[in-house]
């Protein structure tokens, strides 16, 4: 069985990659194919997230175990998890976080399953547009919409200018020396 994934970016309008890969391949193999198709270095702790149809992230597949998983959760690692273990249906969605510091990602959809076929090595069957930079430089980071302060922030943001200390009721507060937790 061969999977064909379509990969897009919300940063670069004309970016698209299609990767054909055997369903028995691992998420690590897909990770390597994406890096290769984008000419990215393999020096960032990336991860995949299986998503629902609204792109809400559900199950994470980590590049490496970084010790943040709780014991009651299943831990999926790219090198140990085969694609067909978690992906069974066409139109299944994932995100691939390629820049975790800035939470930048690719949106991936399993667009075709070819039964009765095999794929020795992953192949980028379609490549259009330039990939976004693998990591943002400081100026780009500072200019990102999500990092700009809101227009709603003004001098009243932290409280009213009309605060009257006479209205403060210290009755509910106790200040004592020593350990405050005793």
C-alpha atoms as a PDB file:
ATOM      1  CA  UNK A   1       0.000   0.000   0.000  1.00  0.00           C
ATOM      2  CA  UNK A   2       1.300   3.461  -0.924  1.00  0.00           C
ATOM      3  CA  UNK A   3       0.211   6.730   0.672  1.00  0.00           C
ATOM      4  CA  UNK A   4       0.282  10.072  -1.141  1.00  0.00           C
ATOM      5  CA  UNK A   5       0.420  13.101   1.145  1.00  0.00           C
ATOM      6  CA  UNK A   6      -0.256  16.674   0.070  1.00  0.00           C
ATOM      7  CA  UNK A   7       1.626  19.249   2.122  1.00  0.00           C
ATOM      8  CA  UNK A   8       0.857  22.974   2.203  1.00  0.00           C
ATOM      9  CA  UNK A   9       1.959  25.991   4.220  1.00  0.00           C
ATOM     10  CA  UNK A  10      -0.058  28.862   5.624  1.00  0.00           C
ATOM     11  CA  UNK A  11       3.006  31.102   5.215  1.00  0.00           C
ATOM     12  CA  UNK A  12       3.782  30.668   1.505  1.00  0.00           C
ATOM     13  CA  UNK A  13       0.764  30.757  -0.787  1.00  0.00           C
ATOM     14  CA  UNK A  14       2.153  28.757  -3.714  1.00  0.00           C
ATOM     15  CA  UNK A  15       4.030  26.147  -1.643  1.00  0.00           C
ATOM     16  CA  UNK A  16       2.948  22.555  -2.195  1.00  0.00           C
ATOM     17  CA  UNK A  17       4.692  19.217  -1.874  1.00  0.00           C
ATOM     18  CA  UNK A  18       3.371  15.752  -2.580  1.00  0.00           C
ATOM     19  CA  UNK A  19       5.158  12.813  -1.023  1.00  0.00           C
ATOM     20  CA  UNK A  20       4.543   9.206  -2.027  1.00  0.00           C
ATOM     21  CA  UNK A  21       5.633   6.736   0.623  1.00  0.00           C
ATOM     22  CA  UNK A  22       4.958   3.124   1.559  1.00  0.00           C
ATOM     23  CA  UNK A  23       2.323   2.697   4.266  1.00  0.00           C
ATOM     24  CA  UNK A  24       4.768   0.452   6.169  1.00  0.00           C
ATOM     25  CA  UNK A  25       7.310   3.307   6.362  1.00  0.00           C
ATOM     26  CA  UNK A  26       7.760   5.152   9.638  1.00  0.00           C
ATOM     27  CA  UNK A  27       6.875   8.714  10.495  1.00  0.00           C
ATOM     28  CA  UNK A  28      10.644   9.252  10.604  1.00  0.00           C
ATOM     29  CA  UNK A  29      10.841   8.282   6.918  1.00  0.00           C
ATOM     30  CA  UNK A  30       8.127  10.827   6.133  1.00  0.00           C
ATOM     31  CA  UNK A  31       9.931  13.403   8.280  1.00  0.00           C
ATOM     32  CA  UNK A  32      13.136  12.824   6.279  1.00  0.00           C
ATOM     33  CA  UNK A  33      11.250  13.100   2.963  1.00  0.00           C
ATOM     34  CA  UNK A  34       9.719  16.430   4.016  1.00  0.00           C
ATOM     35  CA  UNK A  35      13.087  17.807   5.140  1.00  0.00           C
ATOM     36  CA  UNK A  36      14.681  16.711   1.873  1.00  0.00           C
ATOM     37  CA  UNK A  37      11.895  18.183  -0.283  1.00  0.00           C
ATOM     38  CA  UNK A  38      12.245  21.543   1.503  1.00  0.00           C
ATOM     39  CA  UNK A  39      16.066  21.501   1.765  1.00  0.00           C
ATOM     40  CA  UNK A  40      15.848  21.800   5.552  1.00  0.00           C
ATOM     41  CA  UNK A  41      18.563  20.762   7.994  1.00  0.00           C
ATOM     42  CA  UNK A  42      17.817  17.888  10.368  1.00  0.00           C
ATOM     43  CA  UNK A  43      18.699  19.764  13.553  1.00  0.00           C
ATOM     44  CA  UNK A  44      15.313  20.743  15.032  1.00  0.00           C
ATOM     45  CA  UNK A  45      13.086  18.673  17.364  1.00  0.00           C
ATOM     46  CA  UNK A  46      10.093  18.347  15.030  1.00  0.00           C
ATOM     47  CA  UNK A  47       6.850  16.487  15.592  1.00  0.00           C
ATOM     48  CA  UNK A  48       3.701  15.344  13.822  1.00  0.00           C
ATOM     49  CA  UNK A  49       0.187  15.695  15.197  1.00  0.00           C
ATOM     50  CA  UNK A  50      -2.709  13.600  13.968  1.00  0.00           C
ATOM     51  CA  UNK A  51      -5.629  16.015  13.557  1.00  0.00           C
ATOM     52  CA  UNK A  52      -9.361  15.815  13.199  1.00  0.00           C
ATOM     53  CA  UNK A  53     -11.166  17.347  10.198  1.00  0.00           C
ATOM     54  CA  UNK A  54     -11.071  20.799  11.834  1.00  0.00           C
ATOM     55  CA  UNK A  55      -7.245  20.594  12.157  1.00  0.00           C
ATOM     56  CA  UNK A  56      -7.452  20.245  15.942  1.00  0.00           C
ATOM     57  CA  UNK A  57      -4.336  18.460  17.145  1.00  0.00           C
ATOM     58  CA  UNK A  58      -4.901  15.111  18.808  1.00  0.00           C
ATOM     59  CA  UNK A  59      -2.118  12.493  18.921  1.00  0.00           C
ATOM     60  CA  UNK A  60       1.517  13.657  18.858  1.00  0.00           C
ATOM     61  CA  UNK A  61       4.341  11.689  17.248  1.00  0.00           C
ATOM     62  CA  UNK A  62       7.691  12.916  18.571  1.00  0.00           C
ATOM     63  CA  UNK A  63      11.083  12.846  16.919  1.00  0.00           C
ATOM     64  CA  UNK A  64      12.643  11.885  20.263  1.00  0.00           C
ATOM     65  CA  UNK A  65      11.416  11.165  23.763  1.00  0.00           C
ATOM     66  CA  UNK A  66      12.119  14.379  25.622  1.00  0.00           C
ATOM     67  CA  UNK A  67      10.687  13.149  28.900  1.00  0.00           C
ATOM     68  CA  UNK A  68       7.558  15.314  28.908  1.00  0.00           C
ATOM     69  CA  UNK A  69       5.053  12.507  28.382  1.00  0.00           C
ATOM     70  CA  UNK A  70       2.917  11.349  31.284  1.00  0.00           C
ATOM     71  CA  UNK A  71       3.013   7.634  31.996  1.00  0.00           C
ATOM     72  CA  UNK A  72      -0.698   7.198  31.296  1.00  0.00           C
ATOM     73  CA  UNK A  73      -0.342   8.476  27.729  1.00  0.00           C
ATOM     74  CA  UNK A  74       0.790   6.508  24.736  1.00  0.00           C
ATOM     75  CA  UNK A  75       4.144   7.759  23.560  1.00  0.00           C
ATOM     76  CA  UNK A  76       4.677   7.594  19.820  1.00  0.00           C
ATOM     77  CA  UNK A  77       8.160   8.119  18.413  1.00  0.00           C
ATOM     78  CA  UNK A  78       8.790   8.719  14.714  1.00  0.00           C
ATOM     79  CA  UNK A  79      11.383   5.973  14.325  1.00  0.00           C
ATOM     80  CA  UNK A  80       9.174   3.347  16.013  1.00  0.00           C
ATOM     81  CA  UNK A  81       5.752   4.237  14.597  1.00  0.00           C
ATOM     82  CA  UNK A  82       4.643   3.072  11.158  1.00  0.00           C
ATOM     83  CA  UNK A  83       2.366   5.332   9.154  1.00  0.00           C
ATOM     84  CA  UNK A  84      -0.328   2.643   8.812  1.00  0.00           C
ATOM     85  CA  UNK A  85      -0.519   2.270  12.613  1.00  0.00           C
ATOM     86  CA  UNK A  86      -2.159   5.695  12.945  1.00  0.00           C
ATOM     87  CA  UNK A  87      -3.334   6.529   9.414  1.00  0.00           C
ATOM     88  CA  UNK A  88      -5.955   4.388   7.733  1.00  0.00           C
ATOM     89  CA  UNK A  89      -8.277   6.641   5.737  1.00  0.00           C
ATOM     90  CA  UNK A  90      -7.995   9.048   2.862  1.00  0.00           C
ATOM     91  CA  UNK A  91      -8.504  12.672   3.888  1.00  0.00           C
ATOM     92  CA  UNK A  92      -6.811  12.014   7.253  1.00  0.00           C
ATOM     93  CA  UNK A  93      -5.145  15.220   8.408  1.00  0.00           C
ATOM     94  CA  UNK A  94      -1.898  15.953  10.229  1.00  0.00           C
ATOM     95  CA  UNK A  95       0.347  18.870  10.987  1.00  0.00           C
ATOM     96  CA  UNK A  96       4.119  18.716  10.913  1.00  0.00           C
ATOM     97  CA  UNK A  97       5.703  21.207  13.305  1.00  0.00           C
ATOM     98  CA  UNK A  98       9.019  22.079  11.665  1.00  0.00           C
ATOM     99  CA  UNK A  99       9.821  25.105  13.853  1.00  0.00           C
ATOM    100  CA  UNK A 100       8.631  24.382  17.406  1.00  0.00           C
ATOM    101  CA  UNK A 101      10.050  27.604  18.876  1.00  0.00           C
ATOM    102  CA  UNK A 102       7.750  29.709  16.713  1.00  0.00           C
ATOM    103  CA  UNK A 103       5.034  27.022  16.364  1.00  0.00           C
ATOM    104  CA  UNK A 104       5.335  26.991  12.571  1.00  0.00           C
ATOM    105  CA  UNK A 105       3.955  24.009  10.727  1.00  0.00           C
ATOM    106  CA  UNK A 106       2.900  22.362   7.504  1.00  0.00           C
ATOM    107  CA  UNK A 107      -0.618  21.092   6.961  1.00  0.00           C
ATOM    108  CA  UNK A 108      -0.716  17.550   5.586  1.00  0.00           C
ATOM    109  CA  UNK A 109      -3.546  15.512   4.147  1.00  0.00           C
ATOM    110  CA  UNK A 110      -3.478  11.854   3.148  1.00  0.00           C
ATOM    111  CA  UNK A 111      -4.907  12.425  -0.332  1.00  0.00           C
ATOM    112  CA  UNK A 112      -4.597   8.953  -1.833  1.00  0.00           C
ATOM    113  CA  UNK A 113      -4.120   5.341  -0.781  1.00  0.00           C
ATOM    114  CA  UNK A 114      -2.966   2.996  -3.564  1.00  0.00           C
ATOM    115  CA  UNK A 115      -3.651  -0.625  -2.640  1.00  0.00           C
ATOM    116  CA  UNK A 116      -1.541  -3.471  -4.001  1.00  0.00           C
ATOM    117  CA  UNK A 117       1.491  -1.248  -4.573  1.00  0.00           C
ATOM    118  CA  UNK A 118       4.748  -0.712  -2.726  1.00  0.00           C
ATOM    119  CA  UNK A 119       7.195   2.178  -2.632  1.00  0.00           C
ATOM    120  CA  UNK A 120      10.840   1.300  -1.904  1.00  0.00           C
ATOM    121  CA  UNK A 121      11.882   4.859  -0.999  1.00  0.00           C
ATOM    122  CA  UNK A 122       9.792   7.944  -0.309  1.00  0.00           C
ATOM    123  CA  UNK A 123       9.631  10.278  -3.282  1.00  0.00           C
ATOM    124  CA  UNK A 124       8.562  13.889  -3.689  1.00  0.00           C
ATOM    125  CA  UNK A 125       6.237  13.537  -6.676  1.00  0.00           C
ATOM    126  CA  UNK A 126       5.255  17.211  -6.826  1.00  0.00           C
ATOM    127  CA  UNK A 127       7.175  20.270  -5.725  1.00  0.00           C
ATOM    128  CA  UNK A 128       5.849  23.755  -6.340  1.00  0.00           C
ATOM    129  CA  UNK A 129       6.969  27.019  -4.773  1.00  0.00           C
ATOM    130  CA  UNK A 130       9.718  27.800  -2.329  1.00  0.00           C
ATOM    131  CA  UNK A 131       9.487  26.380   1.165  1.00  0.00           C
ATOM    132  CA  UNK A 132       9.305  28.889   4.001  1.00  0.00           C
ATOM    133  CA  UNK A 133      12.569  29.441   5.839  1.00  0.00           C
ATOM    134  CA  UNK A 134      13.171  26.667   8.334  1.00  0.00           C
ATOM    135  CA  UNK A 135      13.496  29.088  11.214  1.00  0.00           C
ATOM    136  CA  UNK A 136      12.695  32.759  11.548  1.00  0.00           C
ATOM    137  CA  UNK A 137      15.353  35.337  12.165  1.00  0.00           C
ATOM    138  CA  UNK A 138      14.816  37.776  15.033  1.00  0.00           C
ATOM    139  CA  UNK A 139      13.390  40.563  12.851  1.00  0.00           C
ATOM    140  CA  UNK A 140      10.799  38.234  11.287  1.00  0.00           C
ATOM    141  CA  UNK A 141       9.858  36.928  14.727  1.00  0.00           C
ATOM    142  CA  UNK A 142       9.335  40.443  16.074  1.00  0.00           C
ATOM    143  CA  UNK A 143       7.219  41.403  13.062  1.00  0.00           C
ATOM    144  CA  UNK A 144       4.955  38.352  13.311  1.00  0.00           C
ATOM    145  CA  UNK A 145       1.304  39.295  13.803  1.00  0.00           C
ATOM    146  CA  UNK A 146       0.977  37.039  16.826  1.00  0.00           C
ATOM    147  CA  UNK A 147       3.828  38.775  18.649  1.00  0.00           C
ATOM    148  CA  UNK A 148       2.605  42.347  18.153  1.00  0.00           C
ATOM    149  CA  UNK A 149       0.855  43.919  21.126  1.00  0.00           C
ATOM    150  CA  UNK A 150      -2.875  44.219  20.817  1.00  0.00           C
ATOM    151  CA  UNK A 151      -4.444  47.557  19.930  1.00  0.00           C
ATOM    152  CA  UNK A 152      -6.549  47.102  23.075  1.00  0.00           C
ATOM    153  CA  UNK A 153      -3.511  47.541  25.293  1.00  0.00           C
ATOM    154  CA  UNK A 154      -3.455  51.072  26.638  1.00  0.00           C
ATOM    155  CA  UNK A 155      -2.771  52.822  29.915  1.00  0.00           C
ATOM    156  CA  UNK A 156      -5.912  51.274  31.459  1.00  0.00           C
ATOM    157  CA  UNK A 157      -4.934  47.694  30.595  1.00  0.00           C
ATOM    158  CA  UNK A 158      -3.567  46.863  34.055  1.00  0.00           C
ATOM    159  CA  UNK A 159      -6.314  48.609  35.971  1.00  0.00           C
ATOM    160  CA  UNK A 160      -8.383  51.682  36.231  1.00  0.00           C
ATOM    161  CA  UNK A 161      -6.792  55.079  36.703  1.00  0.00           C
ATOM    162  CA  UNK A 162      -9.636  55.811  39.085  1.00  0.00           C
ATOM    163  CA  UNK A 163      -8.508  53.164  41.610  1.00  0.00           C
ATOM    164  CA  UNK A 164      -9.051  54.504  45.106  1.00  0.00           C
ATOM    165  CA  UNK A 165      -6.910  53.038  47.879  1.00  0.00           C
ATOM    166  CA  UNK A 166      -9.691  53.922  50.344  1.00  0.00           C
ATOM    167  CA  UNK A 167     -11.894  51.311  48.610  1.00  0.00           C
ATOM    168  CA  UNK A 168      -9.328  48.527  49.181  1.00  0.00           C
ATOM    169  CA  UNK A 169     -10.434  46.103  51.916  1.00  0.00           C
ATOM    170  CA  UNK A 170      -7.328  44.542  53.515  1.00  0.00           C
ATOM    171  CA  UNK A 171      -9.503  42.377  55.791  1.00  0.00           C
ATOM    172  CA  UNK A 172      -9.129  39.286  53.580  1.00  0.00           C
ATOM    173  CA  UNK A 173      -5.337  39.543  53.442  1.00  0.00           C
ATOM    174  CA  UNK A 174      -2.948  38.550  56.185  1.00  0.00           C
ATOM    175  CA  UNK A 175       0.689  39.485  56.029  1.00  0.00           C
ATOM    176  CA  UNK A 176       2.968  37.518  58.309  1.00  0.00           C
ATOM    177  CA  UNK A 177       6.647  36.875  58.567  1.00  0.00           C
ATOM    178  CA  UNK A 178       8.198  33.525  57.775  1.00  0.00           C
ATOM    179  CA  UNK A 179       6.822  30.802  55.547  1.00  0.00           C
ATOM    180  CA  UNK A 180       3.546  31.949  53.952  1.00  0.00           C
ATOM    181  CA  UNK A 181       2.396  28.337  53.488  1.00  0.00           C
ATOM    182  CA  UNK A 182       2.058  27.574  57.213  1.00  0.00           C
END
